């Protein structure tokens, strides 16, 4: 794969804001700047899938199509863009999992996510993506920022430092939120399986 040059600091934010302001060509200039990072996020999101039906490139393409249709968004910065992209990847994967569950009762073919790859628990078996999504929705009701940390870390593959920058909080806060959210999700998913 061809390595793309990283944009100059602020260039991506400038292009995102131009896109928000209606510059249709800005989106065309944004995609090459973010493609490699989106592909890395897609690889991470698909890593736990048992029988991949979607390739990372297809997931990135689907996210780009959804982003293109999102006219009302006011992009703030790079972190905001990748946070929304992580949320869209989650939506695509959950939509696929729901379709599989609807097509075949029992959910044996649902997209599976290896939670131990993100340190939710070392001995935790794979969890169903739909159950994870439902648990994240519940966590978002109780504490939206903790749910956002999980989404950015798990679906976006962002580092703790990137999450802190995206959310505008300290690194220590992100570590605390991540630890709490992992424990909360472990309990919720364990209860869900019972």
Protein backbone atom coordinates (compact mmCIF):
# COMPACT_ATOMS: atom_id res chain seq x y z
CA UNK A 1 0.00 0.00 0.00
CA UNK A 2 1.24 3.43 -0.88
CA UNK A 3 2.22 5.51 2.12
CA UNK A 4 0.56 8.91 2.14
CA UNK A 5 2.24 11.98 3.54
CA UNK A 6 0.89 13.32 6.82
CA UNK A 7 -0.81 16.69 6.46
CA UNK A 8 0.86 19.75 7.86
CA UNK A 9 -0.41 20.67 11.32
CA UNK A 10 -3.70 22.44 10.96
CA UNK A 11 -4.16 21.56 7.28
CA UNK A 12 -6.63 18.77 8.02
CA UNK A 13 -8.60 20.99 10.40
CA UNK A 14 -8.68 23.75 7.77
CA UNK A 15 -9.97 21.32 5.12
CA UNK A 16 -12.55 19.84 7.51
CA UNK A 17 -13.88 23.30 8.28
CA UNK A 18 -13.98 24.15 4.57
CA UNK A 19 -15.97 20.97 4.01
CA UNK A 20 -18.34 22.01 6.81
CA UNK A 21 -18.76 25.37 5.10
CA UNK A 22 -19.94 23.67 1.90
CA UNK A 23 -16.72 23.33 -0.09
CA UNK A 24 -17.44 20.07 -1.91
CA UNK A 25 -13.85 19.77 -3.14
CA UNK A 26 -12.55 19.83 0.44
CA UNK A 27 -13.91 16.31 1.04
CA UNK A 28 -11.93 15.08 -1.96
CA UNK A 29 -8.79 16.57 -0.44
CA UNK A 30 -9.56 15.24 3.06
CA UNK A 31 -9.90 11.58 2.08
CA UNK A 32 -6.28 11.03 0.94
CA UNK A 33 -5.06 12.72 4.12
CA UNK A 34 -7.07 10.46 6.45
CA UNK A 35 -7.27 7.23 4.47
CA UNK A 36 -4.35 5.40 6.12
CA UNK A 37 -5.62 6.22 9.62
CA UNK A 38 -9.17 5.15 8.69
CA UNK A 39 -7.78 1.91 7.26
CA UNK A 40 -5.84 1.26 10.50
CA UNK A 41 -9.04 1.89 12.47
CA UNK A 42 -10.94 -0.51 10.20
CA UNK A 43 -8.30 -3.22 10.67
CA UNK A 44 -8.61 -2.86 14.43
CA UNK A 45 -12.41 -2.90 14.29
CA UNK A 46 -12.43 -6.07 12.20
CA UNK A 47 -9.66 -7.87 14.11
CA UNK A 48 -12.00 -9.92 16.29
CA UNK A 49 -14.42 -10.94 13.57
CA UNK A 50 -14.53 -14.75 13.23
CA UNK A 51 -15.73 -14.98 9.64
CA UNK A 52 -14.93 -11.65 8.04
CA UNK A 53 -17.58 -10.63 5.55
CA UNK A 54 -16.17 -7.17 5.21
CA UNK A 55 -12.65 -6.15 4.27
CA UNK A 56 -11.04 -3.09 5.89
CA UNK A 57 -11.09 -1.21 2.58
CA UNK A 58 -14.83 -1.86 2.20
CA UNK A 59 -15.43 -0.64 5.76
CA UNK A 60 -13.46 2.55 5.05
CA UNK A 61 -15.42 3.06 1.83
CA UNK A 62 -18.72 2.63 3.67
CA UNK A 63 -17.63 5.15 6.32
CA UNK A 64 -16.58 7.63 3.63
CA UNK A 65 -19.97 7.25 1.92
CA UNK A 66 -21.76 7.90 5.19
CA UNK A 67 -19.51 10.87 5.95
CA UNK A 68 -20.18 12.33 2.52
CA UNK A 69 -23.90 12.29 3.24
CA UNK A 70 -23.44 14.01 6.60
CA UNK A 71 -23.92 17.63 5.63
CA UNK A 72 -24.98 19.07 8.97
CA UNK A 73 -21.77 18.28 10.85
CA UNK A 74 -19.51 21.15 11.87
CA UNK A 75 -16.06 19.62 12.01
CA UNK A 76 -14.02 20.97 14.90
CA UNK A 77 -10.66 19.28 14.38
CA UNK A 78 -8.84 16.05 13.55
CA UNK A 79 -9.93 14.37 16.79
CA UNK A 80 -13.58 15.20 16.15
CA UNK A 81 -13.32 13.71 12.64
CA UNK A 82 -11.78 10.44 13.84
CA UNK A 83 -14.21 10.22 16.74
CA UNK A 84 -17.15 10.48 14.35
CA UNK A 85 -15.44 8.00 12.02
CA UNK A 86 -15.06 5.50 14.88
CA UNK A 87 -18.75 5.92 15.68
CA UNK A 88 -19.64 5.29 12.03
CA UNK A 89 -17.50 2.15 11.93
CA UNK A 90 -19.34 0.94 15.00
CA UNK A 91 -22.70 1.63 13.30
CA UNK A 92 -21.67 -0.24 10.11
CA UNK A 93 -20.48 -3.29 12.06
CA UNK A 94 -23.54 -3.33 14.32
CA UNK A 95 -25.83 -3.02 11.28
CA UNK A 96 -24.13 -6.05 9.73
CA UNK A 97 -24.38 -8.00 12.98
CA UNK A 98 -28.07 -7.18 13.33
CA UNK A 99 -28.76 -8.29 9.75
CA UNK A 100 -26.94 -11.57 10.39
CA UNK A 101 -28.90 -12.12 13.60
CA UNK A 102 -32.17 -11.39 11.82
CA UNK A 103 -31.28 -13.75 8.96
CA UNK A 104 -30.26 -16.62 11.19
CA UNK A 105 -31.81 -16.98 14.57
CA UNK A 106 -29.49 -17.76 17.46
CA UNK A 107 -26.85 -15.22 16.50
CA UNK A 108 -24.09 -17.76 15.90
CA UNK A 109 -22.93 -15.81 12.86
CA UNK A 110 -22.95 -12.39 14.48
CA UNK A 111 -19.85 -10.26 14.22
CA UNK A 112 -17.74 -11.23 17.21
CA UNK A 113 -15.36 -8.92 19.01
CA UNK A 114 -12.41 -10.12 21.03
CA UNK A 115 -12.64 -7.86 24.04
CA UNK A 116 -9.42 -9.18 25.52
CA UNK A 117 -7.58 -7.43 22.67
CA UNK A 118 -8.49 -4.13 24.29
CA UNK A 119 -7.88 -5.32 27.82
CA UNK A 120 -11.49 -5.42 28.93
CA UNK A 121 -10.59 -8.59 30.76
CA UNK A 122 -7.84 -11.11 30.17
CA UNK A 123 -10.10 -14.12 30.63
CA UNK A 124 -13.22 -12.66 28.99
CA UNK A 125 -14.36 -14.74 26.02
CA UNK A 126 -15.36 -13.08 22.77
CA UNK A 127 -18.47 -10.97 23.11
CA UNK A 128 -21.21 -10.41 20.60
CA UNK A 129 -20.92 -7.04 18.91
CA UNK A 130 -24.64 -6.42 19.26
CA UNK A 131 -24.43 -7.03 23.02
CA UNK A 132 -21.43 -4.70 23.20
CA UNK A 133 -23.35 -2.04 21.29
CA UNK A 134 -26.35 -2.37 23.60
CA UNK A 135 -24.08 -2.16 26.63
CA UNK A 136 -22.35 0.92 25.24
CA UNK A 137 -25.76 2.53 24.69
CA UNK A 138 -26.58 1.89 28.36
CA UNK A 139 -23.21 3.25 29.48
CA UNK A 140 -23.78 6.35 27.33
CA UNK A 141 -27.02 7.00 29.21
CA UNK A 142 -25.22 6.79 32.55
CA UNK A 143 -21.97 8.44 31.50
CA UNK A 144 -21.59 9.64 27.90
CA UNK A 145 -17.88 10.44 28.19
CA UNK A 146 -16.97 6.97 29.41
CA UNK A 147 -18.88 5.47 26.48
CA UNK A 148 -17.07 7.84 24.15
CA UNK A 149 -13.69 6.76 25.56
CA UNK A 150 -14.57 3.12 24.83
CA UNK A 151 -15.77 3.96 21.35
CA UNK A 152 -12.63 5.93 20.51
CA UNK A 153 -10.34 3.29 21.99
CA UNK A 154 -12.10 0.15 20.82
CA UNK A 155 -13.58 1.15 17.47
CA UNK A 156 -11.25 4.00 16.64
CA UNK A 157 -8.05 2.45 17.90
CA UNK A 158 -6.96 5.81 19.28
CA UNK A 159 -4.21 5.90 21.88
CA UNK A 160 -4.95 7.22 25.35
CA UNK A 161 -3.10 10.42 24.45
CA UNK A 162 -5.18 10.87 21.28
CA UNK A 163 -8.38 10.30 23.25
CA UNK A 164 -7.34 12.90 25.83
CA UNK A 165 -6.67 15.38 23.04
CA UNK A 166 -9.93 14.56 21.24
CA UNK A 167 -12.03 14.94 24.39
CA UNK A 168 -10.06 17.88 25.78
CA UNK A 169 -9.33 16.16 29.10
CA UNK A 170 -6.20 15.05 30.92
CA UNK A 171 -4.49 11.75 30.20
CA UNK A 172 -5.12 10.70 33.80
CA UNK A 173 -8.87 11.31 33.31
CA UNK A 174 -8.86 9.11 30.20
CA UNK A 175 -7.06 6.31 32.07
CA UNK A 176 -9.60 6.54 34.92
CA UNK A 177 -12.57 6.63 32.55
CA UNK A 178 -11.18 3.65 30.58
CA UNK A 179 -10.64 1.59 33.73
CA UNK A 180 -14.16 2.29 34.97
CA UNK A 181 -15.74 1.65 31.55
CA UNK A 182 -13.87 -1.68 31.14
CA UNK A 183 -15.16 -2.89 34.49
CA UNK A 184 -18.67 -1.62 33.78
CA UNK A 185 -18.76 -3.32 30.36
CA UNK A 186 -17.34 -6.54 31.74
CA UNK A 187 -20.14 -6.66 34.30
CA UNK A 188 -22.80 -5.72 31.73
CA UNK A 189 -21.61 -8.27 29.17
CA UNK A 190 -21.27 -11.00 31.77
CA UNK A 191 -24.81 -10.30 32.96
CA UNK A 192 -26.03 -10.21 29.34
CA UNK A 193 -24.59 -13.68 28.69
CA UNK A 194 -26.21 -15.22 31.77
